[in-house]
PDB file of N, CA and C in Angstrom:
ATOM      1  N   MET A   1       0.237  11.686  -3.809  1.00  0.00           N
ATOM      2  CA  MET A   1      -0.667  12.386  -2.937  1.00  0.00           C
ATOM      3  C   MET A   1      -1.842  11.465  -2.597  1.00  0.00           C
ATOM      4  N   ARG A   2      -2.222  11.463  -1.365  1.00  0.00           N
ATOM      5  CA  ARG A   2      -3.335  10.614  -0.920  1.00  0.00           C
ATOM      6  C   ARG A   2      -4.640  11.107  -1.528  1.00  0.00           C
ATOM      7  N   ARG A   3      -5.394  10.173  -2.082  1.00  0.00           N
ATOM      8  CA  ARG A   3      -6.678  10.470  -2.716  1.00  0.00           C
ATOM      9  C   ARG A   3      -7.760   9.573  -2.142  1.00  0.00           C
ATOM     10  N   GLU A   4      -8.987   9.977  -2.317  1.00  0.00           N
ATOM     11  CA  GLU A   4     -10.130   9.127  -1.978  1.00  0.00           C
ATOM     12  C   GLU A   4     -10.365   8.177  -3.150  1.00  0.00           C
ATOM     13  N   GLY A   5     -10.954   7.034  -2.893  1.00  0.00           N
ATOM     14  CA  GLY A   5     -11.180   6.030  -3.928  1.00  0.00           C
ATOM     15  C   GLY A   5     -11.968   6.537  -5.116  1.00  0.00           C
ATOM     16  N   ASP A   6     -12.948   7.408  -4.881  1.00  0.00           N
ATOM     17  CA  ASP A   6     -13.773   7.898  -5.987  1.00  0.00           C
ATOM     18  C   ASP A   6     -13.014   8.854  -6.911  1.00  0.00           C
ATOM     19  N   TYR A   7     -11.866   9.343  -6.491  1.00  0.00           N
ATOM     20  CA  TYR A   7     -11.030  10.211  -7.328  1.00  0.00           C
ATOM     21  C   TYR A   7     -10.617   9.483  -8.609  1.00  0.00           C
ATOM     22  N   PHE A   8     -10.403   8.168  -8.513  1.00  0.00           N
ATOM     23  CA  PHE A   8      -9.931   7.375  -9.643  1.00  0.00           C
ATOM     24  C   PHE A   8     -11.063   6.831 -10.512  1.00  0.00           C
ATOM     25  N   GLY A   9     -12.295   7.037 -10.093  1.00  0.00           N
ATOM     26  CA  GLY A   9     -13.441   6.572 -10.881  1.00  0.00           C
ATOM     27  C   GLY A   9     -13.425   5.065 -11.052  1.00  0.00           C
ATOM     28  N   ASP A  10     -13.554   4.626 -12.295  1.00  0.00           N
ATOM     29  CA  ASP A  10     -13.604   3.191 -12.604  1.00  0.00           C
ATOM     30  C   ASP A  10     -12.235   2.605 -12.921  1.00  0.00           C
ATOM     31  N   GLN A  11     -11.175   3.382 -12.752  1.00  0.00           N
ATOM     32  CA  GLN A  11      -9.838   2.881 -13.067  1.00  0.00           C
ATOM     33  C   GLN A  11      -9.441   1.771 -12.101  1.00  0.00           C
ATOM     34  N   GLU A  12      -8.789   0.774 -12.629  1.00  0.00           N
ATOM     35  CA  GLU A  12      -8.308  -0.359 -11.835  1.00  0.00           C
ATOM     36  C   GLU A  12      -7.079   0.079 -11.043  1.00  0.00           C
ATOM     37  N   LEU A  13      -7.066  -0.199  -9.740  1.00  0.00           N
ATOM     38  CA  LEU A  13      -5.922   0.121  -8.900  1.00  0.00           C
ATOM     39  C   LEU A  13      -5.187  -1.156  -8.525  1.00  0.00           C
ATOM     40  N   VAL A  14      -3.894  -1.029  -8.249  1.00  0.00           N
ATOM     41  CA  VAL A  14      -3.046  -2.171  -7.931  1.00  0.00           C
ATOM     42  C   VAL A  14      -2.568  -2.058  -6.484  1.00  0.00           C
ATOM     43  N   LEU A  15      -2.712  -3.144  -5.735  1.00  0.00           N
ATOM     44  CA  LEU A  15      -2.225  -3.195  -4.356  1.00  0.00           C
ATOM     45  C   LEU A  15      -0.701  -3.288  -4.375  1.00  0.00           C
ATOM     46  N   VAL A  16      -0.039  -2.333  -3.694  1.00  0.00           N
ATOM     47  CA  VAL A  16       1.425  -2.344  -3.677  1.00  0.00           C
ATOM     48  C   VAL A  16       2.011  -2.635  -2.302  1.00  0.00           C
ATOM     49  N   TYR A  17       1.202  -2.438  -1.234  1.00  0.00           N
ATOM     50  CA  TYR A  17       1.744  -2.694   0.101  1.00  0.00           C
ATOM     51  C   TYR A  17       0.622  -2.823   1.123  1.00  0.00           C
ATOM     52  N   ILE A  18       0.843  -3.671   2.120  1.00  0.00           N
ATOM     53  CA  ILE A  18      -0.051  -3.785   3.262  1.00  0.00           C
ATOM     54  C   ILE A  18       0.764  -3.414   4.492  1.00  0.00           C
ATOM     55  N   ALA A  19       0.458  -2.252   5.073  1.00  0.00           N
ATOM     56  CA  ALA A  19       1.164  -1.796   6.276  1.00  0.00           C
ATOM     57  C   ALA A  19       0.499  -2.424   7.496  1.00  0.00           C
ATOM     58  N   LYS A  20       1.295  -3.121   8.274  1.00  0.00           N
ATOM     59  CA  LYS A  20       0.778  -3.787   9.467  1.00  0.00           C
ATOM     60  C   LYS A  20       0.977  -2.952  10.726  1.00  0.00           C
ATOM     61  N   LYS A  21       1.754  -1.884  10.616  1.00  0.00           N
ATOM     62  CA  LYS A  21       2.000  -0.987  11.744  1.00  0.00           C
ATOM     63  C   LYS A  21       1.720   0.446  11.313  1.00  0.00           C
ATOM     64  N   LEU A  22       1.183   1.235  12.233  1.00  0.00           N
ATOM     65  CA  LEU A  22       0.843   2.623  11.938  1.00  0.00           C
ATOM     66  C   LEU A  22       2.069   3.426  11.514  1.00  0.00           C
ATOM     67  N   LYS A  23       3.201   3.236  12.183  1.00  0.00           N
ATOM     68  CA  LYS A  23       4.389   4.020  11.835  1.00  0.00           C
ATOM     69  C   LYS A  23       4.870   3.701  10.425  1.00  0.00           C
ATOM     70  N   HIS A  24       4.672   2.454   9.967  1.00  0.00           N
ATOM     71  CA  HIS A  24       5.029   2.101   8.590  1.00  0.00           C
ATOM     72  C   HIS A  24       4.087   2.802   7.613  1.00  0.00           C
ATOM     73  N   ALA A  25       2.790   2.798   7.923  1.00  0.00           N
ATOM     74  CA  ALA A  25       1.805   3.446   7.057  1.00  0.00           C
ATOM     75  C   ALA A  25       2.108   4.942   6.925  1.00  0.00           C
ATOM     76  N   LEU A  26       2.426   5.592   8.022  1.00  0.00           N
ATOM     77  CA  LEU A  26       2.725   7.017   7.990  1.00  0.00           C
ATOM     78  C   LEU A  26       3.989   7.306   7.185  1.00  0.00           C
ATOM     79  N   SER A  27       4.989   6.449   7.312  1.00  0.00           N
ATOM     80  CA  SER A  27       6.228   6.609   6.560  1.00  0.00           C
ATOM     81  C   SER A  27       5.975   6.456   5.057  1.00  0.00           C
ATOM     82  N   ILE A  28       5.194   5.447   4.695  1.00  0.00           N
ATOM     83  CA  ILE A  28       4.883   5.206   3.280  1.00  0.00           C
ATOM     84  C   ILE A  28       4.087   6.376   2.708  1.00  0.00           C
ATOM     85  N   GLU A  29       3.113   6.859   3.454  1.00  0.00           N
ATOM     86  CA  GLU A  29       2.346   8.024   3.002  1.00  0.00           C
ATOM     87  C   GLU A  29       3.280   9.198   2.747  1.00  0.00           C
ATOM     88  N   SER A  30       4.241   9.392   3.613  1.00  0.00           N
ATOM     89  CA  SER A  30       5.168  10.505   3.500  1.00  0.00           C
ATOM     90  C   SER A  30       5.989  10.436   2.211  1.00  0.00           C
ATOM     91  N   PHE A  31       6.621   9.302   1.935  1.00  0.00           N
ATOM     92  CA  PHE A  31       7.480   9.270   0.748  1.00  0.00           C
ATOM     93  C   PHE A  31       6.698   9.138  -0.554  1.00  0.00           C
ATOM     94  N   LEU A  32       5.505   8.526  -0.547  1.00  0.00           N
ATOM     95  CA  LEU A  32       4.686   8.511  -1.762  1.00  0.00           C
ATOM     96  C   LEU A  32       4.207   9.923  -2.094  1.00  0.00           C
ATOM     97  N   THR A  33       3.790  10.664  -1.081  1.00  0.00           N
ATOM     98  CA  THR A  33       3.334  12.042  -1.280  1.00  0.00           C
ATOM     99  C   THR A  33       4.480  12.920  -1.767  1.00  0.00           C
ATOM    100  N   ALA A  34       5.655  12.785  -1.155  1.00  0.00           N
ATOM    101  CA  ALA A  34       6.824  13.584  -1.548  1.00  0.00           C
ATOM    102  C   ALA A  34       7.216  13.323  -2.998  1.00  0.00           C
ATOM    103  N   ALA A  35       6.990  12.099  -3.481  1.00  0.00           N
ATOM    104  CA  ALA A  35       7.334  11.744  -4.858  1.00  0.00           C
ATOM    105  C   ALA A  35       6.218  12.088  -5.844  1.00  0.00           C
ATOM    106  N   GLY A  36       5.076  12.558  -5.336  1.00  0.00           N
ATOM    107  CA  GLY A  36       3.977  12.937  -6.214  1.00  0.00           C
ATOM    108  C   GLY A  36       3.157  11.775  -6.740  1.00  0.00           C
ATOM    109  N   VAL A  37       3.207  10.642  -6.050  1.00  0.00           N
ATOM    110  CA  VAL A  37       2.442   9.464  -6.465  1.00  0.00           C
ATOM    111  C   VAL A  37       1.027   9.570  -5.897  1.00  0.00           C
ATOM    112  N   ASP A  38       0.022   9.463  -6.774  1.00  0.00           N
ATOM    113  CA  ASP A  38      -1.369   9.411  -6.322  1.00  0.00           C
ATOM    114  C   ASP A  38      -1.661   8.003  -5.825  1.00  0.00           C
ATOM    115  N   TYR A  39      -2.246   7.899  -4.640  1.00  0.00           N
ATOM    116  CA  TYR A  39      -2.522   6.592  -4.055  1.00  0.00           C
ATOM    117  C   TYR A  39      -3.779   6.653  -3.205  1.00  0.00           C
ATOM    118  N   VAL A  40      -4.312   5.472  -2.930  1.00  0.00           N
ATOM    119  CA  VAL A  40      -5.438   5.309  -2.009  1.00  0.00           C
ATOM    120  C   VAL A  40      -4.949   4.406  -0.899  1.00  0.00           C
ATOM    121  N   VAL A  41      -5.287   4.735   0.333  1.00  0.00           N
ATOM    122  CA  VAL A  41      -4.983   3.861   1.459  1.00  0.00           C
ATOM    123  C   VAL A  41      -6.306   3.557   2.149  1.00  0.00           C
ATOM    124  N   GLU A  42      -6.564   2.269   2.348  1.00  0.00           N
ATOM    125  CA  GLU A  42      -7.819   1.831   2.958  1.00  0.00           C
ATOM    126  C   GLU A  42      -7.545   0.784   4.026  1.00  0.00           C
ATOM    127  N   PRO A  43      -8.257   0.833   5.125  1.00  0.00           N
ATOM    128  CA  PRO A  43      -8.115  -0.239   6.119  1.00  0.00           C
ATOM    129  C   PRO A  43      -8.826  -1.488   5.601  1.00  0.00           C
ATOM    130  N   ASP A  44      -8.216  -2.620   5.836  1.00  0.00           N
ATOM    131  CA  ASP A  44      -8.823  -3.895   5.436  1.00  0.00           C
ATOM    132  C   ASP A  44      -8.236  -4.990   6.308  1.00  0.00           C
ATOM    133  N   LYS A  45      -8.811  -6.157   6.228  1.00  0.00           N
ATOM    134  CA  LYS A  45      -8.369  -7.288   7.046  1.00  0.00           C
ATOM    135  C   LYS A  45      -7.385  -8.160   6.271  1.00  0.00           C
ATOM    136  N   TYR A  46      -6.417  -8.691   6.996  1.00  0.00           N
ATOM    137  CA  TYR A  46      -5.473  -9.652   6.453  1.00  0.00           C
ATOM    138  C   TYR A  46      -5.270 -10.738   7.492  1.00  0.00           C
ATOM    139  N   SER A  47      -4.769 -11.866   7.061  1.00  0.00           N
ATOM    140  CA  SER A  47      -4.511 -12.978   7.969  1.00  0.00           C
ATOM    141  C   SER A  47      -3.049 -12.925   8.389  1.00  0.00           C
ATOM    142  N   GLY A  48      -2.784 -12.963   9.691  1.00  0.00           N
ATOM    143  CA  GLY A  48      -1.421 -12.869  10.185  1.00  0.00           C
ATOM    144  C   GLY A  48      -1.123 -13.927  11.228  1.00  0.00           C
ATOM    145  N   GLY A  49       0.147 -14.074  11.530  1.00  0.00           N
ATOM    146  CA  GLY A  49       0.580 -15.052  12.520  1.00  0.00           C
ATOM    147  C   GLY A  49       1.087 -16.314  11.864  1.00  0.00           C
ATOM    148  N   VAL A  50       2.051 -16.945  12.501  1.00  0.00           N
ATOM    149  CA  VAL A  50       2.632 -18.172  11.955  1.00  0.00           C
ATOM    150  C   VAL A  50       1.995 -19.386  12.619  1.00  0.00           C
ATOM    151  N   ILE A  51       2.066 -19.453  13.915  1.00  0.00           N
ATOM    152  CA  ILE A  51       1.510 -20.597  14.635  1.00  0.00           C
ATOM    153  C   ILE A  51       0.030 -20.384  14.911  1.00  0.00           C
ATOM    154  N   PHE A  52      -0.301 -19.222  15.448  1.00  0.00           N
ATOM    155  CA  PHE A  52      -1.689 -18.895  15.751  1.00  0.00           C
ATOM    156  C   PHE A  52      -2.188 -17.851  14.755  1.00  0.00           C
ATOM    157  N   ARG A  53      -2.811 -18.310  13.691  1.00  0.00           N
ATOM    158  CA  ARG A  53      -3.329 -17.419  12.654  1.00  0.00           C
ATOM    159  C   ARG A  53      -4.487 -16.602  13.216  1.00  0.00           C
ATOM    160  N   SER A  54      -4.516 -15.342  12.887  1.00  0.00           N
ATOM    161  CA  SER A  54      -5.621 -14.487  13.307  1.00  0.00           C
ATOM    162  C   SER A  54      -5.881 -13.439  12.232  1.00  0.00           C
ATOM    163  N   GLU A  55      -7.054 -12.858  12.291  1.00  0.00           N
ATOM    164  CA  GLU A  55      -7.426 -11.808  11.369  1.00  0.00           C
ATOM    165  C   GLU A  55      -7.048 -10.476  11.998  1.00  0.00           C
ATOM    166  N   ARG A  56      -6.346  -9.645  11.241  1.00  0.00           N
ATOM    167  CA  ARG A  56      -5.888  -8.346  11.728  1.00  0.00           C
ATOM    168  C   ARG A  56      -6.264  -7.273  10.722  1.00  0.00           C
ATOM    169  N   VAL A  57      -6.151  -6.016  11.125  1.00  0.00           N
ATOM    170  CA  VAL A  57      -6.461  -4.897  10.233  1.00  0.00           C
ATOM    171  C   VAL A  57      -5.165  -4.172   9.881  1.00  0.00           C
ATOM    172  N   GLY A  58      -5.010  -3.879   8.595  1.00  0.00           N
ATOM    173  CA  GLY A  58      -3.837  -3.156   8.124  1.00  0.00           C
ATOM    174  C   GLY A  58      -4.238  -2.045   7.180  1.00  0.00           C
ATOM    175  N   ALA A  59      -3.264  -1.254   6.772  1.00  0.00           N
ATOM    176  CA  ALA A  59      -3.478  -0.172   5.809  1.00  0.00           C
ATOM    177  C   ALA A  59      -3.038  -0.680   4.435  1.00  0.00           C
ATOM    178  N   PHE A  60      -3.984  -0.806   3.514  1.00  0.00           N
ATOM    179  CA  PHE A  60      -3.715  -1.321   2.175  1.00  0.00           C
ATOM    180  C   PHE A  60      -3.483  -0.134   1.234  1.00  0.00           C
ATOM    181  N   PHE A  61      -2.318  -0.113   0.571  1.00  0.00           N
ATOM    182  CA  PHE A  61      -1.955   0.978  -0.336  1.00  0.00           C
ATOM    183  C   PHE A  61      -2.145   0.542  -1.787  1.00  0.00           C
ATOM    184  N   TYR A  62      -2.908   1.347  -2.528  1.00  0.00           N
ATOM    185  CA  TYR A  62      -3.203   1.075  -3.932  1.00  0.00           C
ATOM    186  C   TYR A  62      -2.741   2.253  -4.792  1.00  0.00           C
ATOM    187  N   VAL A  63      -2.220   1.934  -5.995  1.00  0.00           N
ATOM    188  CA  VAL A  63      -1.827   2.957  -6.967  1.00  0.00           C
ATOM    189  C   VAL A  63      -2.335   2.553  -8.348  1.00  0.00           C
ATOM    190  N   LEU A  64      -2.285   3.501  -9.274  1.00  0.00           N
ATOM    191  CA  LEU A  64      -2.631   3.198 -10.662  1.00  0.00           C
ATOM    192  C   LEU A  64      -1.550   2.313 -11.280  1.00  0.00           C
ATOM    193  N   PRO A  65      -1.910   1.490 -12.265  1.00  0.00           N
ATOM    194  CA  PRO A  65      -0.902   0.627 -12.908  1.00  0.00           C
ATOM    195  C   PRO A  65       0.321   1.394 -13.415  1.00  0.00           C
ATOM    196  N   ALA A  66       0.128   2.607 -13.913  1.00  0.00           N
ATOM    197  CA  ALA A  66       1.247   3.405 -14.426  1.00  0.00           C
ATOM    198  C   ALA A  66       2.218   3.824 -13.316  1.00  0.00           C
ATOM    199  N   SER A  67       1.777   3.786 -12.070  1.00  0.00           N
ATOM    200  CA  SER A  67       2.617   4.211 -10.941  1.00  0.00           C
ATOM    201  C   SER A  67       3.219   3.051 -10.159  1.00  0.00           C
ATOM    202  N   VAL A  68       2.900   1.825 -10.550  1.00  0.00           N
ATOM    203  CA  VAL A  68       3.369   0.650  -9.791  1.00  0.00           C
ATOM    204  C   VAL A  68       4.889   0.590  -9.723  1.00  0.00           C
ATOM    205  N   GLU A  69       5.566   0.791 -10.848  1.00  0.00           N
ATOM    206  CA  GLU A  69       7.027   0.686 -10.869  1.00  0.00           C
ATOM    207  C   GLU A  69       7.668   1.708  -9.932  1.00  0.00           C
ATOM    208  N   LEU A  70       7.214   2.958  -9.994  1.00  0.00           N
ATOM    209  CA  LEU A  70       7.759   3.997  -9.125  1.00  0.00           C
ATOM    210  C   LEU A  70       7.449   3.700  -7.660  1.00  0.00           C
ATOM    211  N   ALA A  71       6.219   3.310  -7.376  1.00  0.00           N
ATOM    212  CA  ALA A  71       5.827   3.020  -5.988  1.00  0.00           C
ATOM    213  C   ALA A  71       6.634   1.863  -5.408  1.00  0.00           C
ATOM    214  N   THR A  72       6.815   0.800  -6.176  1.00  0.00           N
ATOM    215  CA  THR A  72       7.578  -0.348  -5.658  1.00  0.00           C
ATOM    216  C   THR A  72       9.055   0.016  -5.481  1.00  0.00           C
ATOM    217  N   ARG A  73       9.581   0.859  -6.356  1.00  0.00           N
ATOM    218  CA  ARG A  73      10.976   1.294  -6.193  1.00  0.00           C
ATOM    219  C   ARG A  73      11.114   2.146  -4.933  1.00  0.00           C
ATOM    220  N   LEU A  74      10.160   3.042  -4.697  1.00  0.00           N
ATOM    221  CA  LEU A  74      10.183   3.865  -3.486  1.00  0.00           C
ATOM    222  C   LEU A  74      10.078   3.001  -2.232  1.00  0.00           C
ATOM    223  N   LEU A  75       9.191   2.014  -2.267  1.00  0.00           N
ATOM    224  CA  LEU A  75       9.059   1.100  -1.127  1.00  0.00           C
ATOM    225  C   LEU A  75      10.375   0.389  -0.857  1.00  0.00           C
ATOM    226  N   THR A  76      10.965  -0.180  -1.903  1.00  0.00           N
ATOM    227  CA  THR A  76      12.223  -0.920  -1.767  1.00  0.00           C
ATOM    228  C   THR A  76      13.351  -0.012  -1.281  1.00  0.00           C
ATOM    229  N   ASP A  77      13.444   1.173  -1.871  1.00  0.00           N
ATOM    230  CA  ASP A  77      14.503   2.118  -1.483  1.00  0.00           C
ATOM    231  C   ASP A  77      14.379   2.561  -0.024  1.00  0.00           C
ATOM    232  N   ASN A  78      13.171   2.489   0.528  1.00  0.00           N
ATOM    233  CA  ASN A  78      12.938   2.903   1.915  1.00  0.00           C
ATOM    234  C   ASN A  78      12.839   1.720   2.879  1.00  0.00           C
ATOM    235  N   GLY A  79      13.241   0.541   2.411  1.00  0.00           N
ATOM    236  CA  GLY A  79      13.322  -0.621   3.301  1.00  0.00           C
ATOM    237  C   GLY A  79      12.050  -1.432   3.456  1.00  0.00           C
ATOM    238  N   PHE A  80      11.069  -1.247   2.574  1.00  0.00           N
ATOM    239  CA  PHE A  80       9.817  -1.999   2.642  1.00  0.00           C
ATOM    240  C   PHE A  80       9.760  -2.999   1.490  1.00  0.00           C
ATOM    241  N   LYS A  81       9.147  -4.143   1.747  1.00  0.00           N
ATOM    242  CA  LYS A  81       8.988  -5.168   0.711  1.00  0.00           C
ATOM    243  C   LYS A  81       7.611  -5.004   0.071  1.00  0.00           C
ATOM    244  N   PRO A  82       7.565  -4.633  -1.227  1.00  0.00           N
ATOM    245  CA  PRO A  82       6.276  -4.451  -1.894  1.00  0.00           C
ATOM    246  C   PRO A  82       5.432  -5.719  -1.861  1.00  0.00           C
ATOM    247  N   TYR A  83       4.116  -5.541  -1.904  1.00  0.00           N
ATOM    248  CA  TYR A  83       3.178  -6.660  -1.915  1.00  0.00           C
ATOM    249  C   TYR A  83       3.365  -7.470  -3.198  1.00  0.00           C
ATOM    250  N   GLU A  84       3.359  -8.795  -3.040  1.00  0.00           N
ATOM    251  CA  GLU A  84       3.416  -9.694  -4.189  1.00  0.00           C
ATOM    252  C   GLU A  84       2.217 -10.622  -4.088  1.00  0.00           C
ATOM    253  N   GLU A  85       1.549 -10.807  -5.200  1.00  0.00           N
ATOM    254  CA  GLU A  85       0.398 -11.698  -5.267  1.00  0.00           C
ATOM    255  C   GLU A  85       0.846 -13.114  -4.911  1.00  0.00           C
ATOM    256  N   PRO A  86       0.146 -13.811  -3.976  1.00  0.00           N
ATOM    257  CA  PRO A  86       0.523 -15.187  -3.627  1.00  0.00           C
ATOM    258  C   PRO A  86       0.439 -16.114  -4.844  1.00  0.00           C
ATOM    259  N   ALA A  87       1.366 -17.029  -4.912  1.00  0.00           N
ATOM    260  CA  ALA A  87       1.410 -17.961  -6.049  1.00  0.00           C
ATOM    261  C   ALA A  87       0.423 -19.093  -5.878  1.00  0.00           C
TER     262      ALA A  87
END
C-alpha cells in the first residue's frame, strides 16, 4: 500500500525501482498494493540517455528491507528489472 515517507519514521528504506514512464509507475503501484507491500514513491532526478546524457525525472519506489525480496520478485514476475546499486 502506498504510504507517505513520514509513515516509516526513521526506518531505513531501500530503493527497488526507478520508473521512467508513468504507465510503468502506475502498474508497479497496482501490483505492490495488491500484494500488500507498504512502499513510498517519490519523484526524483536520474541521469538518462546513451549518447546525449540528460537529467530526467522518474518515480523512485522504496520499501522496507523486510519487503525487498517480495518487491523484487513482484517486479521480476511482472516484467520489470529491479534497481541494482551501480558497481
